[in-house]
Protein backbone atom coordinates (compact mmCIF):
# COMPACT_ATOMS: atom_id res chain seq x y z
CA MET A 1 134.25 100.84 99.59
CA LYS A 2 134.09 103.91 101.84
CA LEU A 3 131.02 105.16 99.95
CA ARG A 4 129.29 101.80 100.45
CA HIS A 5 129.98 101.83 104.19
CA LEU A 6 128.85 105.46 104.50
CA CYS A 7 125.54 104.78 102.77
CA ALA A 8 124.90 101.64 104.85
CA ALA A 9 125.67 103.50 108.07
CA SER A 10 123.34 106.33 107.06
CA LEU A 11 120.48 103.92 106.39
CA LEU A 12 120.91 102.25 109.77
CA ALA A 13 121.17 105.56 111.61
CA MET A 14 118.06 106.96 109.97
CA SER A 15 115.94 103.86 110.58
CA SER A 16 117.00 103.63 114.22
CA SER A 17 115.77 107.19 114.88
CA ALA A 18 112.23 106.46 113.68
CA VAL A 19 109.08 107.37 115.59
CA ALA A 20 108.82 105.54 118.92
CA SER A 21 105.06 105.88 119.55
CA ASP A 22 101.79 104.83 117.90
CA LEU A 23 99.84 107.26 115.72
CA ASN A 24 96.57 108.02 117.54
CA LEU A 25 94.23 110.44 115.77
CA ASP A 26 91.54 110.18 118.46
CA THR A 27 93.51 112.87 120.28
CA LEU A 28 92.93 115.43 117.50
CA THR A 29 89.80 117.60 117.72
CA VAL A 30 90.46 120.51 115.33
CA GLN A 31 89.63 119.97 111.64
CA SER A 32 92.29 122.36 110.35
CA GLU A 33 94.97 120.52 112.35
CA PHE A 34 93.80 117.18 110.98
CA LYS A 35 94.09 118.47 107.40
CA GLU A 36 97.57 119.89 108.05
CA LEU A 37 98.68 116.60 109.59
CA SER A 38 97.20 114.73 106.61
CA LYS A 39 99.17 116.87 104.13
CA ASN A 40 102.39 116.25 106.02
CA LEU A 41 101.71 112.50 106.22
CA SER A 42 100.85 112.43 102.52
CA ALA A 43 104.18 114.02 101.63
CA ALA A 44 105.94 111.36 103.71
CA MET A 45 103.87 108.36 102.67
CA SER A 46 103.47 109.08 98.94
CA TYR A 47 105.58 107.18 96.41
CA LYS A 48 109.31 108.00 96.13
CA PRO A 49 110.92 106.52 92.97
CA VAL A 50 114.57 106.60 94.17
CA ALA A 51 115.58 105.32 90.71
CA PRO A 52 116.49 106.84 87.33
CA THR A 53 114.00 107.11 84.47
CA GLU A 54 115.66 104.81 81.96
CA ALA A 55 113.91 101.45 81.52
CA LEU A 56 115.55 98.52 83.29
CA SER A 57 115.09 96.36 80.19
CA SER A 58 116.90 98.82 77.90
CA GLY A 59 120.23 96.97 78.18
CA LEU A 60 121.32 93.62 76.76
CA LEU A 61 118.76 91.61 78.77
CA PRO A 62 115.01 91.61 78.02
CA PHE A 63 114.34 91.94 81.77
CA GLY A 64 115.96 93.99 84.52
CA PHE A 65 115.87 94.16 88.31
CA ASP A 66 116.43 96.84 90.96
CA VAL A 67 116.12 95.64 94.57
CA GLY A 68 117.22 97.58 97.64
CA LEU A 69 116.77 98.72 101.20
CA GLU A 70 115.56 102.30 101.33
CA VAL A 71 114.98 104.95 103.98
CA SER A 72 113.12 108.23 103.52
CA SER A 73 112.98 111.15 105.94
CA THR A 74 110.31 113.87 105.73
CA GLU A 75 110.37 117.12 107.70
CA ILE A 76 107.58 117.92 110.17
CA ASP A 77 105.96 121.32 109.78
CA ASP A 78 104.17 121.60 113.15
CA ASP A 79 105.61 119.76 116.16
CA GLY A 80 102.55 120.61 118.24
CA ILE A 81 100.10 118.75 115.98
CA PHE A 82 102.39 115.72 115.75
CA ASN A 83 103.03 115.79 119.48
CA THR A 84 99.28 115.45 120.02
CA ALA A 85 98.89 112.72 117.39
CA PHE A 86 101.82 110.69 118.76
CA ASP A 87 100.79 110.89 122.45
CA ASN A 88 103.33 113.59 123.39
CA ASP A 89 106.19 111.70 121.74
CA ALA A 90 106.51 113.56 118.44
CA PRO A 91 109.40 112.60 116.15
CA SER A 92 111.79 115.18 114.75
CA ALA A 93 111.06 113.79 111.26
CA ILE A 94 108.92 111.08 109.68
CA ILE A 95 111.40 108.32 108.91
CA ILE A 96 110.26 105.33 106.85
CA PRO A 97 112.41 102.24 106.12
CA LYS A 98 111.34 100.25 103.04
CA LEU A 99 112.09 97.14 101.05
CA HIS A 100 111.80 98.37 97.46
CA ALA A 101 111.90 96.36 94.22
CA HIS A 102 111.55 97.16 90.51
CA VAL A 103 111.25 94.78 87.56
CA GLY A 104 111.92 95.90 84.01
CA LEU A 105 109.68 94.32 81.37
CA PRO A 106 109.91 94.44 77.56
CA PHE A 107 108.67 97.47 75.59
CA GLY A 108 110.00 100.02 78.10
CA ILE A 109 107.62 99.08 80.93
CA ASP A 110 108.80 98.94 84.55
CA VAL A 111 106.78 97.87 87.58
CA GLY A 112 107.81 98.52 91.17
CA ALA A 113 106.56 98.00 94.71
CA PHE A 114 107.60 98.51 98.31
CA ILE A 115 106.53 97.40 101.77
CA SER A 116 107.26 99.09 105.09
CA ALA A 117 106.51 98.84 108.79
CA ILE A 118 107.83 101.74 110.85
CA PRO A 119 109.56 100.30 113.95
CA SER A 120 107.90 100.85 117.35
CA THR A 121 104.70 102.24 115.78
CA ASN A 122 101.41 100.94 114.44
CA ILE A 123 102.10 102.35 110.96
CA LYS A 124 102.36 100.01 107.97
CA LEU A 125 102.78 101.22 104.42
CA SER A 126 102.81 99.69 100.95
CA GLY A 127 102.92 101.05 97.43
CA TYR A 128 103.39 100.26 93.79
CA GLU A 129 104.23 101.96 90.49
CA LEU A 130 103.79 101.43 86.77
CA ARG A 131 106.19 103.35 84.55
CA TYR A 132 106.51 103.63 80.79
CA ALA A 133 109.61 104.92 79.01
CA ILE A 134 108.30 107.35 76.40
CA VAL A 135 111.89 107.83 75.18
CA ASP A 136 114.44 105.07 75.83
CA GLY A 137 117.38 107.43 75.86
CA GLY A 138 120.84 106.80 74.48
CA THR A 139 124.31 108.24 74.12
CA VAL A 140 123.01 111.75 73.45
CA ILE A 141 119.25 111.67 74.11
CA PRO A 142 118.00 111.50 77.73
CA ALA A 143 115.41 108.97 78.83
CA VAL A 144 111.89 110.31 79.41
CA GLY A 145 109.21 108.39 81.31
CA ILE A 146 105.73 108.71 82.79
CA ARG A 147 104.80 107.04 86.09
CA TYR A 148 101.57 106.20 87.89
CA ALA A 149 101.96 105.21 91.54
CA ALA A 150 99.82 104.56 94.59
CA THR A 151 100.43 104.00 98.31
CA SER A 152 98.29 102.90 101.25
CA LEU A 153 98.78 103.41 104.99
CA SER A 154 97.30 100.82 107.37
CA GLY A 155 97.54 99.65 110.97
CA VAL A 156 96.14 102.82 112.58
CA ASP A 157 92.76 102.50 114.34
CA ASN A 158 89.87 104.30 112.61
CA TYR A 159 92.18 105.87 110.03
CA GLU A 160 93.32 105.19 106.47
CA LEU A 161 95.45 107.29 104.14
CA SER A 162 95.94 106.55 100.45
CA THR A 163 97.75 108.43 97.71
CA ARG A 164 97.80 108.35 93.94
CA SER A 165 100.43 110.16 91.90
CA LEU A 166 101.33 110.88 88.31
CA ASP A 167 104.71 112.27 87.26
CA LEU A 168 106.93 112.88 84.28
CA SER A 169 110.67 112.30 84.71
CA VAL A 170 113.92 112.52 82.78
CA SER A 171 117.38 111.02 83.31
CA LYS A 172 120.73 110.89 81.52
CA GLY A 173 123.53 108.48 82.33
CA PHE A 174 127.22 109.45 82.41
CA LEU A 175 129.33 106.31 82.86
CA MET A 176 128.31 104.93 86.31
CA LEU A 177 126.39 108.05 87.33
CA THR A 178 122.79 108.81 86.31
CA PRO A 179 121.18 112.08 87.48
CA TYR A 180 117.38 112.28 87.19
CA ALA A 181 114.52 114.67 87.96
CA GLY A 182 110.75 114.75 87.76
CA ILE A 183 107.58 116.79 88.23
CA GLY A 184 104.07 115.62 89.04
CA LYS A 185 101.04 115.72 91.33
CA VAL A 186 99.90 113.68 94.33
CA TRP A 187 96.21 113.11 95.14
CA THR A 188 95.39 112.06 98.72
CA SER A 189 92.40 110.61 100.55
CA SER A 190 92.72 110.93 104.33
CA ASP A 191 89.80 108.98 105.81
CA ILE A 192 88.93 109.03 109.50
CA ASP A 193 86.07 107.46 111.44
CA SER A 194 85.34 110.18 113.99
CA SER A 195 82.42 112.09 115.45
CA VAL A 196 84.58 115.23 115.63
CA LEU A 197 86.68 115.22 112.47
CA SER A 198 85.77 114.80 108.79
CA SER A 199 87.74 112.97 106.09
CA VAL A 200 89.61 115.16 103.62
CA ASP A 201 90.71 114.87 99.99
CA PHE A 202 93.34 117.14 98.46
CA SER A 203 96.17 117.33 95.94
CA GLN A 204 99.75 118.58 96.17
CA ASN A 205 102.38 119.36 93.54
CA LYS A 206 105.53 117.26 93.49
CA LEU A 207 109.12 117.98 92.43
CA TYR A 208 112.05 115.61 92.87
CA ALA A 209 115.64 115.08 91.79
CA GLY A 210 118.23 112.44 92.50
CA VAL A 211 121.29 110.60 91.35
CA ASN A 212 121.97 106.89 90.88
CA LEU A 213 125.46 105.36 91.17
CA ASN A 214 125.86 101.88 89.72
CA LEU A 215 129.00 99.97 90.72
CA GLY A 216 128.46 96.74 88.86
CA LEU A 217 125.77 94.88 90.77
CA LEU A 218 125.93 97.22 93.77
CA ASN A 219 123.68 100.26 93.38
CA ILE A 220 123.35 103.45 95.45
CA ALA A 221 120.64 106.09 94.90
CA VAL A 222 119.81 109.31 96.74
CA GLU A 223 116.84 111.60 96.13
CA ALA A 224 115.37 114.91 97.31
CA ASP A 225 111.60 115.44 97.05
CA LYS A 226 109.28 118.40 97.59
CA THR A 227 105.60 117.44 97.87
CA GLY A 228 103.40 120.40 98.72
CA ASP A 229 105.24 122.39 101.39
CA TYR A 230 107.21 119.43 102.76
CA GLY A 231 110.71 118.24 101.91
CA SER A 232 111.84 114.61 101.94
CA TYR A 233 115.21 112.92 101.50
CA SER A 234 115.69 109.29 100.53
CA ALA A 235 118.60 106.86 100.17
CA LYS A 236 118.63 103.34 98.76
CA LEU A 237 121.31 100.66 98.82
CA GLY A 238 120.85 97.53 96.74
CA PHE A 239 121.41 95.81 93.41
CA ARG A 240 120.47 96.98 89.91
CA PHE A 241 121.07 94.96 86.75
């Protein structure tokens, strides 16, 4: 019970400290700063699994579900660039609340999606994933899966950011606890309509690890992610069955 309350309080505290100003890239005039900002935003906005590798349909039921409220927090590398982009009201971190859902289908296939609107900003974000369990896993053997995911940022004038990612992950359950980890790559298109700046495309390596705690229907997951040079931390509270 204490763990449940602690996780819920953490989610509320993180979401309440989100950015309090609109993202405005018309204020940026230096191409190198735009690319650095884009890399930082990509690390924050790219897909975070916050779930173990094992297929949701690997239990007694042919289908499975994982639904939860999630918050991710990504560090900011250069306060000066963000201070310019957020009209002199730079956040201390990029904090994104999400409604996240996964559905487990037969044959080891899982699909997932999330939607997000960062409070007090013009930033909206959505994403989806398709994952296949190469190895189902069992009492001794860990589960191994491959995931394709994509995200899209909208709501910002004259600017769009989209990511695509591919990763390989592994997990192994121990009673109610399931640690997991993965490695992959994120490809980003940062498109701006500007007479001063040019759109950029780039890729960044991705590493992540987390742990899932299942208490019957109640499910708690936490995850640490390193995309490029930027670290992110995520927590999710919901139901998994």
